[in-house]
Amino acid sequence: MPLSQRHHFIFMQQLSNYIIPICAIVLCILLILLLLKVFKLSKNLAILHSQLSGNDLLIGELKEQLDGLRSNQEQNLAALNSWQIEQEQVTGQLEHRTKQFNENIKNIKQEMQELHAQQPEDRLYSRAQKMVKLGAGIDELVAECQLPKVEAEMLIAMYQRQSSSKK
């Protein structure tokens, strides 16, 4: 073997003696760094798991609240529908009653008109009867109530018969 090759070989042997321990040291350092990184990641993972559990609890509570709100909304909607039906029935009854009242008022007005048409004569006869009871004579009845003399005589005669039959 030539000398330069031999030096090279020796140098390589010496270098190989240092390379293995250096590589082992580098590998140990890398392994330690890797372990530290894994430890840090596991801590972060544990934190994320606890946050996830907390979020799951919050989601569960929110779902319960949402279910409660939906239930309340359904109850309120049912109550509102019931109230609306009741109001529609009451409105129908009120409309019917209003129609009846309007018909009654119309009938009463018609009756009042009929009574007013009849009243002048009736009033005169009512007044004449009162005057007879108070002792008015035939001439007074004719003058005050504008009755014919025959009718005035008939009223006085009727009053006297009633008075005598009561005694």
N, C-alpha and C. Protein backbone atom coordinates (compact mmCIF):
# COMPACT_ATOMS: atom_id res chain seq x y z
N MET A 1 0.82 -1.15 0.00
CA MET A 1 0.00 0.00 0.00
C MET A 1 0.88 1.24 0.00
N PRO A 2 0.56 2.12 -0.83
CA PRO A 2 1.38 3.32 -0.85
C PRO A 2 1.08 4.17 0.40
N LEU A 3 1.98 5.00 0.65
CA LEU A 3 1.97 5.79 1.87
C LEU A 3 0.77 6.73 1.92
N SER A 4 0.43 7.32 0.92
CA SER A 4 -0.68 8.25 0.94
C SER A 4 -1.99 7.50 1.16
N GLN A 5 -2.04 6.32 0.64
CA GLN A 5 -3.23 5.54 0.88
C GLN A 5 -3.27 5.10 2.33
N ARG A 6 -2.10 4.80 2.84
CA ARG A 6 -2.02 4.36 4.20
C ARG A 6 -2.40 5.48 5.15
N HIS A 7 -1.98 6.65 4.91
CA HIS A 7 -2.34 7.79 5.74
C HIS A 7 -3.85 8.03 5.69
N HIS A 8 -4.29 7.86 4.54
CA HIS A 8 -5.71 8.05 4.36
C HIS A 8 -6.49 7.01 5.16
N PHE A 9 -6.04 5.79 5.13
CA PHE A 9 -6.67 4.70 5.84
C PHE A 9 -6.62 4.94 7.35
N ILE A 10 -5.49 5.37 7.84
CA ILE A 10 -5.31 5.64 9.27
C ILE A 10 -6.20 6.82 9.67
N PHE A 11 -6.15 7.79 8.82
CA PHE A 11 -6.97 8.96 9.12
C PHE A 11 -8.46 8.55 9.20
N MET A 12 -8.89 7.72 8.34
CA MET A 12 -10.26 7.26 8.31
C MET A 12 -10.57 6.44 9.54
N GLN A 13 -9.65 5.63 9.98
CA GLN A 13 -9.84 4.83 11.18
C GLN A 13 -9.96 5.74 12.40
N GLN A 14 -9.10 6.70 12.47
CA GLN A 14 -9.15 7.62 13.60
C GLN A 14 -10.46 8.44 13.56
N LEU A 15 -10.78 8.82 12.35
CA LEU A 15 -12.01 9.59 12.19
C LEU A 15 -13.22 8.74 12.57
N SER A 16 -13.22 7.49 12.20
CA SER A 16 -14.33 6.61 12.52
C SER A 16 -14.43 6.40 14.02
N ASN A 17 -13.32 6.46 14.71
CA ASN A 17 -13.34 6.35 16.17
C ASN A 17 -14.07 7.54 16.79
N TYR A 18 -13.96 8.71 16.19
CA TYR A 18 -14.64 9.90 16.71
C TYR A 18 -16.07 10.06 16.18
N ILE A 19 -16.30 9.58 14.99
CA ILE A 19 -17.60 9.78 14.34
C ILE A 19 -18.71 9.05 15.12
N ILE A 20 -18.47 7.85 15.50
CA ILE A 20 -19.48 7.06 16.20
C ILE A 20 -19.87 7.74 17.51
N PRO A 21 -18.91 8.15 18.37
CA PRO A 21 -19.34 8.82 19.60
C PRO A 21 -20.03 10.17 19.31
N ILE A 22 -19.54 10.90 18.31
CA ILE A 22 -20.15 12.19 17.97
C ILE A 22 -21.58 11.95 17.49
N CYS A 23 -21.74 10.97 16.64
CA CYS A 23 -23.09 10.64 16.15
C CYS A 23 -23.98 10.20 17.31
N ALA A 24 -23.43 9.44 18.23
CA ALA A 24 -24.20 8.99 19.38
C ALA A 24 -24.62 10.18 20.23
N ILE A 25 -23.71 11.12 20.41
CA ILE A 25 -24.02 12.32 21.21
C ILE A 25 -25.09 13.14 20.49
N VAL A 26 -24.92 13.34 19.20
CA VAL A 26 -25.90 14.11 18.41
C VAL A 26 -27.27 13.41 18.46
N LEU A 27 -27.24 12.09 18.32
CA LEU A 27 -28.49 11.34 18.39
C LEU A 27 -29.13 11.47 19.76
N CYS A 28 -28.35 11.44 20.81
CA CYS A 28 -28.88 11.61 22.17
C CYS A 28 -29.50 12.99 22.34
N ILE A 29 -28.79 14.00 21.84
CA ILE A 29 -29.31 15.37 21.94
C ILE A 29 -30.62 15.47 21.17
N LEU A 30 -30.63 14.91 19.95
CA LEU A 30 -31.85 14.93 19.15
C LEU A 30 -32.98 14.16 19.84
N LEU A 31 -32.62 13.03 20.46
CA LEU A 31 -33.61 12.25 21.17
C LEU A 31 -34.17 13.03 22.37
N ILE A 32 -33.28 13.72 23.08
CA ILE A 32 -33.73 14.53 24.22
C ILE A 32 -34.64 15.66 23.73
N LEU A 33 -34.24 16.34 22.64
CA LEU A 33 -35.07 17.40 22.09
C LEU A 33 -36.42 16.85 21.61
N LEU A 34 -36.36 15.67 21.01
CA LEU A 34 -37.59 15.04 20.55
C LEU A 34 -38.49 14.68 21.74
N LEU A 35 -37.91 14.15 22.81
CA LEU A 35 -38.68 13.83 24.00
C LEU A 35 -39.29 15.08 24.64
N LEU A 36 -38.51 16.16 24.68
CA LEU A 36 -39.03 17.41 25.21
C LEU A 36 -40.22 17.91 24.37
N LYS A 37 -40.05 17.81 23.05
CA LYS A 37 -41.12 18.24 22.15
C LYS A 37 -42.37 17.36 22.35
N VAL A 38 -42.18 16.04 22.49
CA VAL A 38 -43.29 15.12 22.72
C VAL A 38 -43.97 15.45 24.04
N PHE A 39 -43.17 15.73 25.08
CA PHE A 39 -43.72 16.08 26.39
C PHE A 39 -44.55 17.37 26.29
N LYS A 40 -44.00 18.36 25.58
CA LYS A 40 -44.72 19.62 25.43
C LYS A 40 -46.01 19.40 24.63
N LEU A 41 -45.94 18.59 23.59
CA LEU A 41 -47.13 18.30 22.79
C LEU A 41 -48.16 17.52 23.61
N SER A 42 -47.70 16.62 24.47
CA SER A 42 -48.65 15.86 25.29
C SER A 42 -49.34 16.79 26.30
N LYS A 43 -48.59 17.77 26.84
CA LYS A 43 -49.21 18.75 27.73
C LYS A 43 -50.26 19.56 26.97
N ASN A 44 -49.89 20.00 25.77
CA ASN A 44 -50.85 20.76 24.95
C ASN A 44 -52.06 19.90 24.60
N LEU A 45 -51.83 18.63 24.33
CA LEU A 45 -52.91 17.71 24.01
C LEU A 45 -53.83 17.54 25.22
N ALA A 46 -53.25 17.43 26.42
CA ALA A 46 -54.06 17.32 27.63
C ALA A 46 -54.89 18.58 27.84
N ILE A 47 -54.30 19.74 27.60
CA ILE A 47 -55.03 21.00 27.72
C ILE A 47 -56.18 21.05 26.71
N LEU A 48 -55.88 20.63 25.49
CA LEU A 48 -56.92 20.62 24.45
C LEU A 48 -58.05 19.65 24.81
N HIS A 49 -57.69 18.48 25.38
CA HIS A 49 -58.71 17.52 25.80
C HIS A 49 -59.61 18.11 26.90
N SER A 50 -58.99 18.82 27.86
CA SER A 50 -59.81 19.41 28.92
C SER A 50 -60.70 20.51 28.36
N GLN A 51 -60.17 21.31 27.43
CA GLN A 51 -61.00 22.34 26.79
C GLN A 51 -62.13 21.70 25.98
N LEU A 52 -61.80 20.61 25.31
CA LEU A 52 -62.82 19.91 24.53
C LEU A 52 -63.92 19.36 25.46
N SER A 53 -63.53 18.83 26.60
CA SER A 53 -64.53 18.33 27.56
C SER A 53 -65.39 19.48 28.07
N GLY A 54 -64.75 20.60 28.37
CA GLY A 54 -65.50 21.79 28.81
C GLY A 54 -66.46 22.26 27.72
N ASN A 55 -66.00 22.25 26.49
CA ASN A 55 -66.87 22.65 25.38
C ASN A 55 -68.02 21.67 25.21
N ASP A 56 -67.75 20.37 25.40
CA ASP A 56 -68.82 19.37 25.32
C ASP A 56 -69.88 19.63 26.40
N LEU A 57 -69.44 19.98 27.60
CA LEU A 57 -70.39 20.31 28.67
C LEU A 57 -71.22 21.54 28.30
N LEU A 58 -70.55 22.56 27.79
CA LEU A 58 -71.26 23.77 27.38
C LEU A 58 -72.26 23.47 26.26
N ILE A 59 -71.85 22.65 25.31
CA ILE A 59 -72.75 22.28 24.22
C ILE A 59 -73.96 21.53 24.77
N GLY A 60 -73.72 20.63 25.72
CA GLY A 60 -74.84 19.91 26.34
C GLY A 60 -75.80 20.85 27.05
N GLU A 61 -75.25 21.80 27.81
CA GLU A 61 -76.10 22.78 28.51
C GLU A 61 -76.88 23.64 27.53
N LEU A 62 -76.19 24.06 26.46
CA LEU A 62 -76.86 24.88 25.45
C LEU A 62 -77.98 24.10 24.75
N LYS A 63 -77.75 22.81 24.50
CA LYS A 63 -78.80 21.98 23.89
C LYS A 63 -80.00 21.87 24.82
N GLU A 64 -79.74 21.70 26.13
CA GLU A 64 -80.84 21.63 27.10
C GLU A 64 -81.62 22.94 27.13
N GLN A 65 -80.90 24.06 27.13
CA GLN A 65 -81.56 25.36 27.13
C GLN A 65 -82.38 25.55 25.86
N LEU A 66 -81.80 25.13 24.73
CA LEU A 66 -82.51 25.25 23.46
C LEU A 66 -83.76 24.39 23.45
N ASP A 67 -83.66 23.18 23.99
CA ASP A 67 -84.84 22.32 24.09
C ASP A 67 -85.91 22.96 24.98
N GLY A 68 -85.47 23.54 26.09
CA GLY A 68 -86.41 24.24 26.98
C GLY A 68 -87.07 25.41 26.28
N LEU A 69 -86.28 26.18 25.55
CA LEU A 69 -86.84 27.33 24.82
C LEU A 69 -87.83 26.86 23.74
N ARG A 70 -87.49 25.77 23.06
CA ARG A 70 -88.40 25.23 22.05
C ARG A 70 -89.71 24.78 22.70
N SER A 71 -89.58 24.11 23.84
CA SER A 71 -90.77 23.65 24.55
C SER A 71 -91.64 24.84 24.96
N ASN A 72 -91.00 25.88 25.52
CA ASN A 72 -91.74 27.09 25.91
C ASN A 72 -92.39 27.74 24.70
N GLN A 73 -91.65 27.77 23.60
CA GLN A 73 -92.19 28.37 22.39
C GLN A 73 -93.40 27.59 21.90
N GLU A 74 -93.33 26.27 21.94
CA GLU A 74 -94.46 25.46 21.51
C GLU A 74 -95.66 25.67 22.43
N GLN A 75 -95.40 25.75 23.75
CA GLN A 75 -96.50 25.99 24.69
C GLN A 75 -97.12 27.37 24.45
N ASN A 76 -96.27 28.37 24.25
CA ASN A 76 -96.77 29.72 24.00
C ASN A 76 -97.56 29.78 22.70
N LEU A 77 -97.07 29.07 21.69
CA LEU A 77 -97.77 29.05 20.41
C LEU A 77 -99.12 28.36 20.55
N ALA A 78 -99.16 27.26 21.30
CA ALA A 78 -100.43 26.56 21.52
C ALA A 78 -101.40 27.47 22.29
N ALA A 79 -100.89 28.16 23.31
CA ALA A 79 -101.74 29.07 24.09
C ALA A 79 -102.23 30.22 23.20
N LEU A 80 -101.36 30.73 22.36
CA LEU A 80 -101.74 31.82 21.47
C LEU A 80 -102.80 31.36 20.48
N ASN A 81 -102.64 30.16 19.93
CA ASN A 81 -103.64 29.63 19.00
C ASN A 81 -104.98 29.44 19.70
N SER A 82 -104.93 28.93 20.92
CA SER A 82 -106.16 28.75 21.70
C SER A 82 -106.83 30.10 21.95
N TRP A 83 -106.04 31.08 22.35
CA TRP A 83 -106.56 32.42 22.61
C TRP A 83 -107.16 33.02 21.35
N GLN A 84 -106.49 32.81 20.21
CA GLN A 84 -106.98 33.35 18.95
C GLN A 84 -108.32 32.72 18.58
N ILE A 85 -108.44 31.41 18.77
CA ILE A 85 -109.71 30.73 18.49
C ILE A 85 -110.81 31.27 19.39
N GLU A 86 -110.47 31.44 20.66
CA GLU A 86 -111.44 31.97 21.62
C GLU A 86 -111.88 33.38 21.22
N GLN A 87 -110.91 34.21 20.80
CA GLN A 87 -111.24 35.57 20.40
C GLN A 87 -112.11 35.58 19.15
N GLU A 88 -111.83 34.66 18.23
CA GLU A 88 -112.66 34.58 17.02
C GLU A 88 -114.09 34.18 17.38
N GLN A 89 -114.23 33.26 18.35
CA GLN A 89 -115.56 32.86 18.78
C GLN A 89 -116.28 34.02 19.46
N VAL A 90 -115.56 34.72 20.33
CA VAL A 90 -116.16 35.87 21.02
C VAL A 90 -116.55 36.94 19.99
N THR A 91 -115.69 37.16 19.01
CA THR A 91 -115.99 38.15 17.97
C THR A 91 -117.25 37.75 17.21
N GLY A 92 -117.34 36.45 16.88
CA GLY A 92 -118.54 35.97 16.19
C GLY A 92 -119.79 36.17 17.02
N GLN A 93 -119.70 35.87 18.32
CA GLN A 93 -120.84 36.08 19.21
C GLN A 93 -121.21 37.55 19.30
N LEU A 94 -120.20 38.40 19.42
CA LEU A 94 -120.46 39.84 19.52
C LEU A 94 -121.08 40.37 18.23
N GLU A 95 -120.61 39.87 17.09
CA GLU A 95 -121.20 40.30 15.82
C GLU A 95 -122.67 39.87 15.75
N HIS A 96 -122.94 38.64 16.19
CA HIS A 96 -124.32 38.14 16.19
C HIS A 96 -125.19 38.99 17.12
N ARG A 97 -124.69 39.27 18.32
CA ARG A 97 -125.45 40.09 19.27
C ARG A 97 -125.67 41.50 18.73
N THR A 98 -124.64 42.05 18.11
CA THR A 98 -124.75 43.39 17.53
C THR A 98 -125.83 43.41 16.46
N LYS A 99 -125.85 42.37 15.65
CA LYS A 99 -126.87 42.27 14.60
C LYS A 99 -128.26 42.20 15.24
N GLN A 100 -128.38 41.40 16.31
CA GLN A 100 -129.67 41.30 16.99
C GLN A 100 -130.08 42.64 17.61
N PHE A 101 -129.11 43.32 18.25
CA PHE A 101 -129.41 44.62 18.85
C PHE A 101 -129.85 45.62 17.78
N ASN A 102 -129.15 45.61 16.65
CA ASN A 102 -129.53 46.53 15.57
C ASN A 102 -130.95 46.23 15.07
N GLU A 103 -131.28 44.94 14.96
CA GLU A 103 -132.63 44.58 14.55
C GLU A 103 -133.65 45.02 15.61
N ASN A 104 -133.32 44.81 16.89
CA ASN A 104 -134.21 45.25 17.98
C ASN A 104 -134.41 46.76 17.95
N ILE A 105 -133.32 47.49 17.75
CA ILE A 105 -133.40 48.95 17.70
C ILE A 105 -134.28 49.38 16.53
N LYS A 106 -134.10 48.71 15.40
CA LYS A 106 -134.91 49.03 14.23
C LYS A 106 -136.39 48.77 14.52
N ASN A 107 -136.68 47.63 15.16
CA ASN A 107 -138.08 47.31 15.52
C ASN A 107 -138.64 48.32 16.51
N ILE A 108 -137.83 48.68 17.50
CA ILE A 108 -138.28 49.65 18.51
C ILE A 108 -138.56 51.00 17.86
N LYS A 109 -137.68 51.42 16.95
CA LYS A 109 -137.91 52.70 16.26
C LYS A 109 -139.21 52.66 15.47
N GLN A 110 -139.43 51.51 14.81
CA GLN A 110 -140.66 51.38 14.03
C GLN A 110 -141.88 51.43 14.95
N GLU A 111 -141.80 50.73 16.09
CA GLU A 111 -142.92 50.76 17.05
C GLU A 111 -143.14 52.16 17.58
N MET A 112 -142.03 52.88 17.85
CA MET A 112 -142.15 54.24 18.37
C MET A 112 -142.82 55.14 17.34
N GLN A 113 -142.47 54.96 16.06
CA GLN A 113 -143.11 55.76 15.02
C GLN A 113 -144.60 55.47 14.96
N GLU A 114 -144.92 54.17 15.10
CA GLU A 114 -146.34 53.81 15.08
C GLU A 114 -147.06 54.42 16.28
N LEU A 115 -146.40 54.37 17.46
CA LEU A 115 -147.02 54.96 18.66
C LEU A 115 -147.20 56.46 18.52
N HIS A 116 -146.19 57.11 17.95
CA HIS A 116 -146.30 58.56 17.76
C HIS A 116 -147.44 58.89 16.81
N ALA A 117 -147.64 58.02 15.83
CA ALA A 117 -148.73 58.27 14.89
C ALA A 117 -150.07 58.13 15.60
N GLN A 118 -150.16 57.24 16.60
CA GLN A 118 -151.41 57.01 17.31
C GLN A 118 -151.59 57.94 18.49
N GLN A 119 -150.58 58.49 19.01
CA GLN A 119 -150.62 59.20 20.27
C GLN A 119 -151.51 60.43 20.33
N PRO A 120 -151.61 61.21 19.33
CA PRO A 120 -152.44 62.41 19.53
C PRO A 120 -153.85 62.07 20.01
N GLU A 121 -154.48 61.10 19.41
CA GLU A 121 -155.83 60.72 19.84
C GLU A 121 -155.79 60.10 21.23
N ASP A 122 -154.83 59.21 21.44
CA ASP A 122 -154.74 58.53 22.73
C ASP A 122 -154.50 59.54 23.86
N ARG A 123 -153.68 60.51 23.58
CA ARG A 123 -153.39 61.50 24.61
C ARG A 123 -154.65 62.31 24.97
N LEU A 124 -155.38 62.62 23.96
CA LEU A 124 -156.60 63.38 24.22
C LEU A 124 -157.57 62.56 25.07
N TYR A 125 -157.73 61.28 24.74
CA TYR A 125 -158.64 60.43 25.52
C TYR A 125 -158.11 60.21 26.93
N SER A 126 -156.80 60.04 27.08
CA SER A 126 -156.22 59.88 28.43
C SER A 126 -156.47 61.12 29.26
N ARG A 127 -156.28 62.28 28.65
CA ARG A 127 -156.49 63.54 29.36
C ARG A 127 -157.97 63.69 29.73
N ALA A 128 -158.82 63.30 28.79
CA ALA A 128 -160.26 63.41 29.04
C ALA A 128 -160.67 62.51 30.19
N GLN A 129 -160.12 61.30 30.25
CA GLN A 129 -160.43 60.38 31.35
C GLN A 129 -159.98 60.97 32.68
N LYS A 130 -158.82 61.56 32.72
CA LYS A 130 -158.33 62.17 33.96
C LYS A 130 -159.24 63.33 34.38
N MET A 131 -159.63 64.10 33.38
CA MET A 131 -160.50 65.24 33.70
C MET A 131 -161.85 64.76 34.24
N VAL A 132 -162.37 63.65 33.68
CA VAL A 132 -163.65 63.09 34.16
C VAL A 132 -163.49 62.66 35.60
N LYS A 133 -162.39 62.01 35.92
CA LYS A 133 -162.15 61.55 37.29
C LYS A 133 -162.07 62.73 38.25
N LEU A 134 -161.58 63.87 37.75
CA LEU A 134 -161.47 65.05 38.59
C LEU A 134 -162.80 65.83 38.66
N GLY A 135 -163.79 65.34 37.89
CA GLY A 135 -165.11 65.95 37.98
C GLY A 135 -165.43 66.92 36.88
N ALA A 136 -164.75 66.88 35.75
CA ALA A 136 -165.03 67.81 34.64
C ALA A 136 -166.36 67.47 34.00
N GLY A 137 -167.00 68.49 33.43
CA GLY A 137 -168.28 68.30 32.76
C GLY A 137 -168.12 68.13 31.26
N ILE A 138 -169.27 67.94 30.58
CA ILE A 138 -169.26 67.68 29.14
C ILE A 138 -168.68 68.85 28.38
N ASP A 139 -169.09 70.06 28.68
CA ASP A 139 -168.62 71.24 27.95
C ASP A 139 -167.11 71.44 28.12
N GLU A 140 -166.65 71.18 29.32
CA GLU A 140 -165.20 71.32 29.60
C GLU A 140 -164.41 70.30 28.78
N LEU A 141 -164.89 69.05 28.68
CA LEU A 141 -164.22 68.02 27.89
C LEU A 141 -164.21 68.38 26.41
N VAL A 142 -165.29 68.89 25.92
CA VAL A 142 -165.37 69.26 24.50
C VAL A 142 -164.38 70.39 24.21
N ALA A 143 -164.29 71.36 25.10
CA ALA A 143 -163.42 72.51 24.87
C ALA A 143 -161.94 72.14 25.03
N GLU A 144 -161.60 71.44 26.07
CA GLU A 144 -160.19 71.16 26.37
C GLU A 144 -159.61 70.02 25.53
N CYS A 145 -160.40 68.97 25.29
CA CYS A 145 -159.87 67.77 24.63
C CYS A 145 -160.31 67.66 23.18
N GLN A 146 -161.09 68.60 22.73
CA GLN A 146 -161.57 68.63 21.35
C GLN A 146 -162.31 67.34 20.98
N LEU A 147 -163.16 66.90 21.92
CA LEU A 147 -163.96 65.70 21.70
C LEU A 147 -165.35 66.10 21.23
N PRO A 148 -165.97 65.27 20.42
CA PRO A 148 -167.38 65.53 20.10
C PRO A 148 -168.22 65.37 21.36
N LYS A 149 -169.35 66.06 21.40
CA LYS A 149 -170.19 66.08 22.59
C LYS A 149 -170.66 64.68 22.95
N VAL A 150 -170.95 63.84 21.96
CA VAL A 150 -171.43 62.47 22.20
C VAL A 150 -170.36 61.65 22.90
N GLU A 151 -169.10 61.80 22.46
CA GLU A 151 -168.01 61.04 23.07
C GLU A 151 -167.76 61.52 24.50
N ALA A 152 -167.85 62.80 24.74
CA ALA A 152 -167.70 63.34 26.09
C ALA A 152 -168.78 62.78 27.00
N GLU A 153 -170.03 62.72 26.51
CA GLU A 153 -171.12 62.16 27.30
C GLU A 153 -170.86 60.69 27.60
N MET A 154 -170.37 59.95 26.59
CA MET A 154 -170.11 58.53 26.75
C MET A 154 -169.00 58.29 27.80
N LEU A 155 -167.95 59.11 27.79
CA LEU A 155 -166.87 58.98 28.76
C LEU A 155 -167.37 59.20 30.18
N ILE A 156 -168.19 60.22 30.35
CA ILE A 156 -168.72 60.52 31.69
C ILE A 156 -169.62 59.40 32.14
N ALA A 157 -170.44 58.85 31.23
CA ALA A 157 -171.35 57.75 31.57
C ALA A 157 -170.55 56.51 31.97
N MET A 158 -169.50 56.21 31.23
CA MET A 158 -168.67 55.03 31.55
C MET A 158 -168.01 55.20 32.92
N TYR A 159 -167.55 56.41 33.19
CA TYR A 159 -166.89 56.65 34.48
C TYR A 159 -167.89 56.49 35.62
N GLN A 160 -169.08 56.99 35.41
CA GLN A 160 -170.09 56.89 36.48
C GLN A 160 -170.48 55.44 36.71
N ARG A 161 -170.57 54.61 35.65
CA ARG A 161 -170.89 53.19 35.82
C ARG A 161 -169.78 52.48 36.59
N GLN A 162 -168.52 52.79 36.23
CA GLN A 162 -167.38 52.15 36.93
C GLN A 162 -167.39 52.57 38.38
N SER A 163 -167.66 53.81 38.65
CA SER A 163 -167.65 54.30 40.02
C SER A 163 -168.77 53.63 40.83
N SER A 164 -169.95 53.47 40.23
CA SER A 164 -171.05 52.86 40.95
C SER A 164 -170.85 51.36 41.13
N SER A 165 -170.21 50.69 40.18
CA SER A 165 -169.99 49.24 40.31
C SER A 165 -168.89 48.96 41.35
N LYS A 166 -168.03 49.88 41.61
CA LYS A 166 -166.96 49.69 42.61
C LYS A 166 -167.49 49.87 44.01
N LYS A 167 -168.60 50.58 44.16
CA LYS A 167 -169.13 50.89 45.49
C LYS A 167 -169.83 49.74 46.03
